[in-house]
Protein backbone atom coordinates (compact mmCIF):
# COMPACT_ATOMS: atom_id res chain seq x y z
CA MET A 1 -6.28 8.27 -12.81
CA PRO A 2 -5.25 11.11 -10.79
CA THR A 3 -2.61 10.76 -8.35
CA ALA A 4 -1.11 11.46 -5.18
CA GLU A 5 2.33 12.77 -3.97
CA VAL A 6 1.73 9.91 -2.09
CA SER A 7 4.31 6.41 -1.00
CA THR A 8 2.16 3.23 0.28
CA ILE A 9 4.15 0.47 1.69
CA ILE A 10 3.62 -2.79 2.37
CA PRO A 11 5.36 -5.27 4.27
CA VAL A 12 5.13 -8.77 3.29
CA ARG A 13 5.52 -12.67 4.15
CA ASN A 14 4.22 -15.59 2.71
CA GLY A 15 1.13 -13.12 1.73
CA ALA A 16 0.46 -15.19 -1.31
CA ALA A 17 -3.41 -15.52 -0.05
CA PHE A 18 -4.45 -11.79 -0.01
CA ILE A 19 -1.96 -9.50 -1.29
CA GLU A 20 -3.47 -9.25 -4.57
CA ASP A 21 -6.30 -8.17 -2.77
CA ALA A 22 -4.68 -5.65 -1.14
CA LEU A 23 -2.57 -4.24 -3.93
CA LYS A 24 -6.05 -3.77 -5.53
CA SER A 25 -7.28 -1.92 -2.89
CA VAL A 26 -4.39 0.74 -3.32
CA TYR A 27 -4.48 0.66 -7.20
CA GLU A 28 -8.06 0.98 -7.04
CA GLN A 29 -8.23 4.39 -4.65
CA SER A 30 -9.99 7.36 -5.97
CA LEU A 31 -6.68 9.45 -5.76
CA ALA A 32 -4.05 6.89 -6.74
CA PRO A 33 -0.50 6.91 -4.73
CA THR A 34 2.16 7.54 -7.26
CA GLU A 35 4.41 4.84 -5.55
CA VAL A 36 3.88 1.32 -4.73
CA ILE A 37 6.70 -0.51 -2.44
CA VAL A 38 6.40 -3.93 -1.66
CA ILE A 39 8.84 -5.29 0.82
CA ASP A 40 8.99 -9.12 0.98
CA ASP A 41 10.18 -10.25 4.36
CA GLY A 42 11.46 -13.64 2.97
CA SER A 43 8.42 -15.44 1.30
CA GLU A 44 8.78 -18.73 0.66
CA ASP A 45 5.51 -18.94 -1.59
CA ASP A 46 4.07 -16.85 -4.50
CA THR A 47 4.48 -13.82 -3.56
CA ALA A 48 6.40 -12.82 -5.83
CA SER A 49 5.01 -13.42 -8.66
CA ILE A 50 1.23 -12.21 -7.62
CA VAL A 51 3.01 -8.95 -6.98
CA LYS A 52 5.14 -8.55 -10.39
CA ARG A 53 1.75 -8.57 -12.11
CA PHE A 54 1.11 -4.95 -11.05
CA SER A 55 2.74 -2.86 -13.14
CA ARG A 56 4.57 0.13 -11.42
CA VAL A 57 5.32 -1.84 -8.28
CA ILE A 58 9.13 -1.31 -6.86
CA TYR A 59 9.21 -5.14 -4.70
CA GLU A 60 12.31 -5.78 -2.49
CA LYS A 61 13.16 -8.69 -1.29
CA GLN A 62 14.61 -9.06 2.14
CA PRO A 63 16.00 -11.90 4.21
CA PRO A 64 13.05 -12.43 7.04
CA LEU A 65 14.11 -9.76 9.67
CA GLY A 66 10.43 -8.97 10.88
CA GLN A 67 7.61 -6.73 9.67
CA ALA A 68 9.26 -3.88 11.35
CA THR A 69 12.38 -3.83 9.51
CA ALA A 70 10.57 -4.18 6.33
CA ARG A 71 8.17 -1.00 7.39
CA ASN A 72 11.32 1.01 8.02
CA ARG A 73 13.06 -0.30 4.38
CA GLY A 74 10.15 1.02 2.54
CA ALA A 75 10.25 4.25 4.39
CA ASP A 76 13.86 4.50 3.44
CA ILE A 77 13.40 3.90 -0.36
CA ALA A 78 10.34 5.93 -0.46
CA SER A 79 10.55 8.74 -2.85
CA GLN A 80 6.92 10.92 -2.29
CA LYS A 81 6.08 13.45 0.18
CA TYR A 82 3.89 11.27 2.35
CA ILE A 83 3.94 8.02 2.93
CA ALA A 84 1.21 5.39 3.70
CA PHE A 85 1.55 1.67 5.03
CA LEU A 86 -0.89 -1.40 5.07
CA ASP A 87 -0.65 -4.59 6.07
CA ALA A 88 -0.82 -7.23 2.91
CA ASP A 89 -4.01 -8.92 3.85
CA ASP A 90 -5.76 -6.04 4.75
CA LEU A 91 -7.51 -3.45 2.52
CA TRP A 92 -8.08 0.21 1.81
CA SER A 93 -11.45 2.03 1.40
CA HIS A 94 -12.20 3.53 -1.85
CA LYS A 95 -11.44 6.61 -0.92
CA LYS A 96 -8.85 6.31 1.95
CA LEU A 97 -6.03 8.64 0.50
CA GLU A 98 -8.43 11.39 -1.16
CA LEU A 99 -10.05 12.10 2.31
CA GLN A 100 -6.90 12.02 4.19
CA LEU A 101 -5.06 14.26 1.89
CA ALA A 102 -7.88 16.77 1.94
CA PHE A 103 -8.08 16.79 5.74
CA LEU A 104 -4.46 17.47 5.40
CA ALA A 105 -4.77 20.76 3.52
CA GLU A 106 -7.21 21.86 5.54
CA ASN A 107 -5.70 21.68 8.67
CA PRO A 108 -1.60 21.98 8.10
CA GLU A 109 -0.94 21.80 11.51
CA ILE A 110 -1.56 18.12 11.73
CA GLU A 111 1.35 15.95 11.17
CA ILE A 112 -0.24 12.17 10.83
CA VAL A 113 -3.86 12.07 10.11
CA SER A 114 -5.82 8.21 11.17
CA GLY A 115 -9.67 7.23 10.44
CA GLN A 116 -11.85 4.06 11.43
CA MET A 117 -11.27 0.89 10.46
CA ILE A 118 -13.72 -2.30 10.73
CA GLN A 119 -12.60 -5.46 10.77
CA PHE A 120 -13.92 -8.47 8.74
CA SER A 121 -13.47 -11.91 7.19
CA THR A 122 -14.49 -13.34 4.36
CA SER A 123 -16.74 -16.39 3.49
CA ASP A 124 -16.13 -19.70 2.05
CA SER A 125 -18.33 -17.85 -1.20
CA GLY A 126 -15.83 -14.54 -1.36
CA GLN A 127 -18.07 -12.05 0.70
CA ILE A 128 -17.29 -10.00 3.05
CA VAL A 129 -18.09 -10.79 6.85
CA GLN A 130 -18.14 -7.45 8.87
CA HIS A 131 -17.07 -8.49 12.64
CA THR A 132 -16.93 -4.92 14.33
CA GLU A 133 -18.30 -1.51 14.51
CA ALA A 134 -16.17 1.08 12.69
CA THR A 135 -13.66 2.23 15.68
CA PRO A 136 -10.34 4.60 15.38
CA ALA A 137 -7.16 3.07 15.83
CA ASN A 138 -3.50 4.01 15.52
CA LEU A 139 -2.45 0.92 13.23
CA PRO A 140 0.07 2.12 10.67
CA GLY A 141 -2.48 1.17 7.93
CA LEU A 142 -4.92 3.68 8.90
CA MET A 143 -2.07 6.24 8.64
CA LEU A 144 -0.93 9.07 6.61
CA MET A 145 1.65 11.44 7.36
CA THR A 146 4.81 12.90 5.40
CA ARG A 147 7.90 10.92 5.20
CA GLU A 148 9.36 13.51 7.35
CA THR A 149 7.49 13.37 9.74
CA PHE A 150 8.16 9.76 10.00
CA TRP A 151 11.79 9.64 10.47
CA ARG A 152 11.10 12.61 12.90
CA VAL A 153 9.98 9.86 15.22
CA GLY A 154 12.10 7.21 14.05
CA PRO A 155 12.06 4.18 12.45
CA TYR A 156 9.70 1.52 14.09
CA SER A 157 11.66 -0.66 16.36
CA SER A 158 13.01 -3.94 15.29
CA GLU A 159 13.46 -5.74 18.89
CA TRP A 160 10.03 -6.83 19.22
CA ARG A 161 8.37 -9.19 16.87
CA VAL A 162 4.29 -7.77 17.67
CA GLY A 163 3.94 -4.32 19.36
CA GLU A 164 5.98 -2.26 17.70
CA VAL A 165 3.55 0.23 16.39
CA ILE A 166 2.25 0.95 20.03
CA GLU A 167 6.15 1.61 21.09
CA TRP A 168 6.27 3.79 17.97
CA TRP A 169 3.21 5.99 18.78
CA ALA A 170 4.63 6.45 22.16
CA ARG A 171 7.38 8.23 20.76
CA ALA A 172 5.12 10.18 18.57
CA ILE A 173 3.42 11.40 21.65
CA ASP A 174 6.47 12.68 23.31
CA GLN A 175 7.15 14.61 20.92
CA ASN A 176 3.94 16.16 20.43
CA ILE A 177 3.18 15.29 16.96
CA LYS A 178 -0.03 16.56 15.85
CA THR A 179 -2.29 14.22 15.21
CA GLY A 180 -5.54 14.30 13.41
CA ALA A 181 -8.35 11.66 12.48
CA ILE A 182 -11.42 11.39 9.94
CA PRO A 183 -14.37 9.74 10.65
CA GLU A 184 -14.93 7.59 7.63
CA VAL A 185 -13.46 4.51 7.48
CA VAL A 186 -10.31 4.11 6.12
CA LEU A 187 -9.10 0.37 6.75
CA LYS A 188 -10.69 -3.04 6.97
CA ARG A 189 -8.37 -5.69 8.68
CA ARG A 190 -8.43 -8.87 7.39
CA ILE A 191 -8.76 -11.58 10.42
CA HIS A 192 -8.47 -14.95 9.73
CA GLN A 193 -5.83 -18.12 11.31
CA HIS A 194 -2.41 -16.45 10.35
CA ASN A 195 -2.46 -13.22 11.94
CA LEU A 196 0.66 -12.13 13.32
CA GLY A 197 -0.56 -11.69 16.97
CA LYS A 198 -2.01 -15.30 16.90
CA VAL A 199 1.09 -17.20 15.56
CA ALA A 200 3.81 -15.01 17.46
CA GLU A 201 5.55 -16.32 19.98
CA THR A 202 5.33 -14.68 23.51
CA PRO A 203 3.32 -11.69 22.51
CA ILE A 204 2.67 -10.78 25.97
CA ARG A 205 6.85 -10.65 26.53
CA ASP A 206 6.94 -8.58 23.94
CA TYR A 207 3.71 -5.75 25.20
CA LEU A 208 5.61 -6.00 28.54
CA GLY A 209 8.67 -5.36 27.19
CA ILE A 210 7.75 -2.49 25.13
CA LEU A 211 5.40 -1.05 27.71
CA ASN A 212 9.19 -1.01 30.31
CA THR A 213 11.01 0.44 27.38
CA ILE A 214 8.46 3.31 27.36
CA VAL A 215 7.95 4.00 31.44
CA ARG A 216 12.02 4.03 31.37
CA ARG A 217 12.66 6.32 28.55
CA ARG A 218 9.50 8.69 30.13
CA ARG A 219 11.64 8.89 33.64
CA GLY A 220 14.81 9.68 31.99
CA GLU A 221 16.53 6.02 32.34
CA GLN A 222 18.86 4.25 30.14
CA ALA A 223 16.49 1.30 28.28
């Protein structure tokens, strides 16, 4: 199977129910990543044993420091030219990497490429039930970028439990990072009762804090 200069980074905490499907969607890519990195954020279930069934996966466990810290750690140890993130409960479409790498090759001025996503759940019989039409988004699971681009923008902030992606994108915009998107669906985002946005304590306070940080930075104030 052909491979690409991509490090796939999967943060996970207690993801035994879904991470096997997520990993299969990575390993079954039409153009597979050279490197697959799983950062276990203090799981207390069977996540580790499931991950270790897959060959060539780089598995590292850390204390429960949060998803942002796990993503940053994955990016820190990544060795390939490009990096791509995937949450442990989501799925990549079969040609995600192939299509996005082709887009970057055709548009060398673009530094981050995104795409379309759908939201889904799984029925009792195991069938995928689609809940939304395809829509663009700036979630990490849709993106592909060079490792250099990621670190130029900087790591995800670990100050908040949810919403750190919003703050990261604001920094990318402020640095005039050139972005593009392909029209195809590249991510299937799973909806379930344990989504972080549903179970996080005081998510509104986090979002307001992030907005305040962005505004103050753009005004040149100390955060």
